[in-house]
Every structure is written in structure tokens, then in C-alpha cells.
Amino acid sequence: MNGGGGAPIYEFRKSPQTAFVSSRFSFMTFDVYQDKIITKAIGTDGKVFDRAIITKAS
């Protein structure tokens, strides 16, 4: 989930269902391919601070 584009920024806490948590202004990109989707979370400094690859099940 990404909700870093508006105000105010809410503080999230890590839980058993969460691999990574960051409370900051940001946006996400999605590169969509036939067999995968690559996501990147990018902060206001322009740096990628999280990424994931979702692959198609065979």
C-alpha cells in the first residue's frame, strides 16, 4: 500500500503481515511486463527506498 502523496503523513507500525514500513511523502512507479510487475517507491528526494517484483504464476 502506498498513501504517501497527501497530507498528513500517518505513522504506521510494523506487524506480522508487514515486511517494510516507512512514513514519508512518496510516489510509486509500476513497470508492467507480460510475466512480471516491478514496483518502486520513490521519496521526495528522488531516491528509491523500496521495490518489489511480482511474478506471474506458472
N, C-alpha and C. Protein backbone atom coordinates (compact mmCIF):
# COMPACT_ATOMS: atom_id res chain seq x y z
N MET A 1 0.84 -1.17 0.00
CA MET A 1 0.00 0.00 0.00
C MET A 1 0.88 1.23 0.00
N ASN A 2 0.48 2.21 -0.77
CA ASN A 2 1.21 3.47 -0.77
C ASN A 2 0.20 4.59 -0.64
N GLY A 3 0.34 5.40 0.38
CA GLY A 3 -0.53 6.55 0.56
C GLY A 3 0.29 7.78 0.87
N GLY A 4 1.50 7.84 0.30
CA GLY A 4 2.45 8.90 0.64
C GLY A 4 2.32 10.16 -0.18
N GLY A 5 1.21 10.35 -0.90
CA GLY A 5 1.11 11.52 -1.77
C GLY A 5 0.35 12.68 -1.19
N GLY A 6 -0.25 12.52 -0.02
CA GLY A 6 -1.06 13.60 0.53
C GLY A 6 -0.73 13.88 1.97
N ALA A 7 -1.41 14.83 2.53
CA ALA A 7 -1.14 15.21 3.93
C ALA A 7 -2.33 14.82 4.76
N PRO A 8 -2.20 14.53 6.00
CA PRO A 8 -0.93 14.40 6.71
C PRO A 8 -0.35 12.99 6.54
N ILE A 9 0.90 12.85 6.91
CA ILE A 9 1.56 11.54 6.88
C ILE A 9 1.19 10.81 8.17
N TYR A 10 0.66 9.61 8.04
CA TYR A 10 0.31 8.81 9.20
C TYR A 10 1.46 7.88 9.55
N GLU A 11 1.65 7.64 10.83
CA GLU A 11 2.70 6.73 11.26
C GLU A 11 2.16 5.30 11.24
N PHE A 12 2.85 4.42 10.55
CA PHE A 12 2.49 3.01 10.50
C PHE A 12 3.50 2.24 11.32
N ARG A 13 3.04 1.15 11.90
CA ARG A 13 3.93 0.31 12.68
C ARG A 13 4.04 -1.05 12.02
N LYS A 14 5.20 -1.66 12.17
CA LYS A 14 5.44 -2.98 11.61
C LYS A 14 4.56 -4.01 12.33
N SER A 15 4.06 -4.97 11.56
CA SER A 15 3.24 -6.04 12.11
C SER A 15 3.67 -7.35 11.45
N PRO A 16 3.12 -8.47 11.90
CA PRO A 16 3.48 -9.75 11.28
C PRO A 16 3.16 -9.81 9.79
N GLN A 17 2.19 -9.02 9.32
CA GLN A 17 1.81 -9.01 7.92
C GLN A 17 2.61 -8.00 7.10
N THR A 18 3.52 -7.27 7.72
CA THR A 18 4.24 -6.19 7.06
C THR A 18 5.72 -6.50 6.94
N ALA A 19 6.27 -6.39 5.73
CA ALA A 19 7.69 -6.63 5.52
C ALA A 19 8.50 -5.35 5.69
N PHE A 20 7.89 -4.19 5.35
CA PHE A 20 8.61 -2.92 5.39
C PHE A 20 7.61 -1.81 5.67
N VAL A 21 8.00 -0.85 6.50
CA VAL A 21 7.14 0.29 6.82
C VAL A 21 7.95 1.57 6.72
N SER A 22 7.37 2.60 6.10
CA SER A 22 8.01 3.90 6.02
C SER A 22 6.92 4.97 5.94
N SER A 23 7.00 5.95 6.80
CA SER A 23 6.03 7.06 6.79
C SER A 23 6.73 8.28 6.21
N ARG A 24 6.51 8.52 4.92
CA ARG A 24 7.14 9.65 4.23
C ARG A 24 6.35 9.98 2.97
N PHE A 25 6.50 11.20 2.50
CA PHE A 25 5.90 11.57 1.23
C PHE A 25 6.62 10.82 0.12
N SER A 26 5.86 10.28 -0.81
CA SER A 26 6.46 9.46 -1.85
C SER A 26 5.46 9.23 -2.98
N PHE A 27 5.95 8.55 -4.02
CA PHE A 27 5.08 8.08 -5.09
C PHE A 27 5.60 6.72 -5.54
N MET A 28 4.78 6.01 -6.31
CA MET A 28 5.20 4.69 -6.79
C MET A 28 5.15 4.63 -8.30
N THR A 29 6.06 3.83 -8.86
CA THR A 29 6.02 3.54 -10.29
C THR A 29 5.76 2.05 -10.45
N PHE A 30 5.13 1.71 -11.57
CA PHE A 30 4.84 0.31 -11.89
C PHE A 30 5.28 0.05 -13.31
N ASP A 31 6.25 -0.83 -13.49
CA ASP A 31 6.68 -1.27 -14.82
C ASP A 31 6.00 -2.61 -15.06
N VAL A 32 5.11 -2.65 -16.04
CA VAL A 32 4.30 -3.84 -16.28
C VAL A 32 4.81 -4.57 -17.52
N TYR A 33 5.13 -5.85 -17.33
CA TYR A 33 5.60 -6.72 -18.39
C TYR A 33 4.65 -7.90 -18.50
N GLN A 34 4.82 -8.71 -19.51
CA GLN A 34 3.94 -9.87 -19.72
C GLN A 34 4.03 -10.86 -18.56
N ASP A 35 5.23 -11.02 -17.97
CA ASP A 35 5.42 -12.03 -16.93
C ASP A 35 5.70 -11.48 -15.54
N LYS A 36 5.73 -10.14 -15.39
CA LYS A 36 6.03 -9.57 -14.07
C LYS A 36 5.63 -8.10 -14.00
N ILE A 37 5.54 -7.62 -12.77
CA ILE A 37 5.34 -6.20 -12.49
C ILE A 37 6.44 -5.79 -11.52
N ILE A 38 7.13 -4.71 -11.83
CA ILE A 38 8.18 -4.19 -10.95
C ILE A 38 7.66 -2.88 -10.36
N THR A 39 7.63 -2.80 -9.02
CA THR A 39 7.18 -1.58 -8.35
C THR A 39 8.37 -0.91 -7.68
N LYS A 40 8.33 0.42 -7.64
CA LYS A 40 9.36 1.19 -6.94
C LYS A 40 8.68 2.30 -6.15
N ALA A 41 9.04 2.44 -4.89
CA ALA A 41 8.59 3.54 -4.06
C ALA A 41 9.70 4.58 -4.04
N ILE A 42 9.37 5.81 -4.41
CA ILE A 42 10.38 6.86 -4.58
C ILE A 42 10.02 8.02 -3.66
N GLY A 43 10.98 8.43 -2.84
CA GLY A 43 10.78 9.53 -1.92
C GLY A 43 10.91 10.88 -2.60
N THR A 44 10.61 11.94 -1.87
CA THR A 44 10.69 13.29 -2.43
C THR A 44 12.12 13.70 -2.78
N ASP A 45 13.10 12.95 -2.28
CA ASP A 45 14.49 13.22 -2.64
C ASP A 45 14.87 12.54 -3.96
N GLY A 46 13.91 11.82 -4.58
CA GLY A 46 14.16 11.16 -5.85
C GLY A 46 14.81 9.80 -5.73
N LYS A 47 15.03 9.33 -4.51
CA LYS A 47 15.69 8.04 -4.30
C LYS A 47 14.67 6.93 -4.07
N VAL A 48 14.94 5.78 -4.66
CA VAL A 48 14.11 4.59 -4.46
C VAL A 48 14.38 4.05 -3.06
N PHE A 49 13.33 3.91 -2.24
CA PHE A 49 13.53 3.38 -0.89
C PHE A 49 12.86 2.02 -0.68
N ASP A 50 12.12 1.56 -1.67
CA ASP A 50 11.55 0.22 -1.61
C ASP A 50 11.23 -0.23 -3.02
N ARG A 51 11.31 -1.52 -3.27
CA ARG A 51 10.97 -2.07 -4.58
C ARG A 51 10.49 -3.50 -4.40
N ALA A 52 9.73 -3.95 -5.37
CA ALA A 52 9.23 -5.33 -5.34
C ALA A 52 9.03 -5.81 -6.76
N ILE A 53 9.13 -7.11 -6.93
CA ILE A 53 8.85 -7.75 -8.22
C ILE A 53 7.75 -8.78 -7.99
N ILE A 54 6.69 -8.63 -8.72
CA ILE A 54 5.56 -9.56 -8.66
C ILE A 54 5.60 -10.39 -9.93
N THR A 55 5.77 -11.70 -9.79
CA THR A 55 5.88 -12.55 -10.98
C THR A 55 4.58 -13.32 -11.22
N LYS A 56 4.36 -13.60 -12.48
CA LYS A 56 3.18 -14.35 -12.88
C LYS A 56 3.37 -15.81 -12.49
N ALA A 57 2.35 -16.38 -11.90
CA ALA A 57 2.41 -17.80 -11.53
C ALA A 57 2.40 -18.65 -12.79
N SER A 58 3.20 -19.70 -12.77
CA SER A 58 3.25 -20.56 -13.95
C SER A 58 2.28 -21.69 -13.89
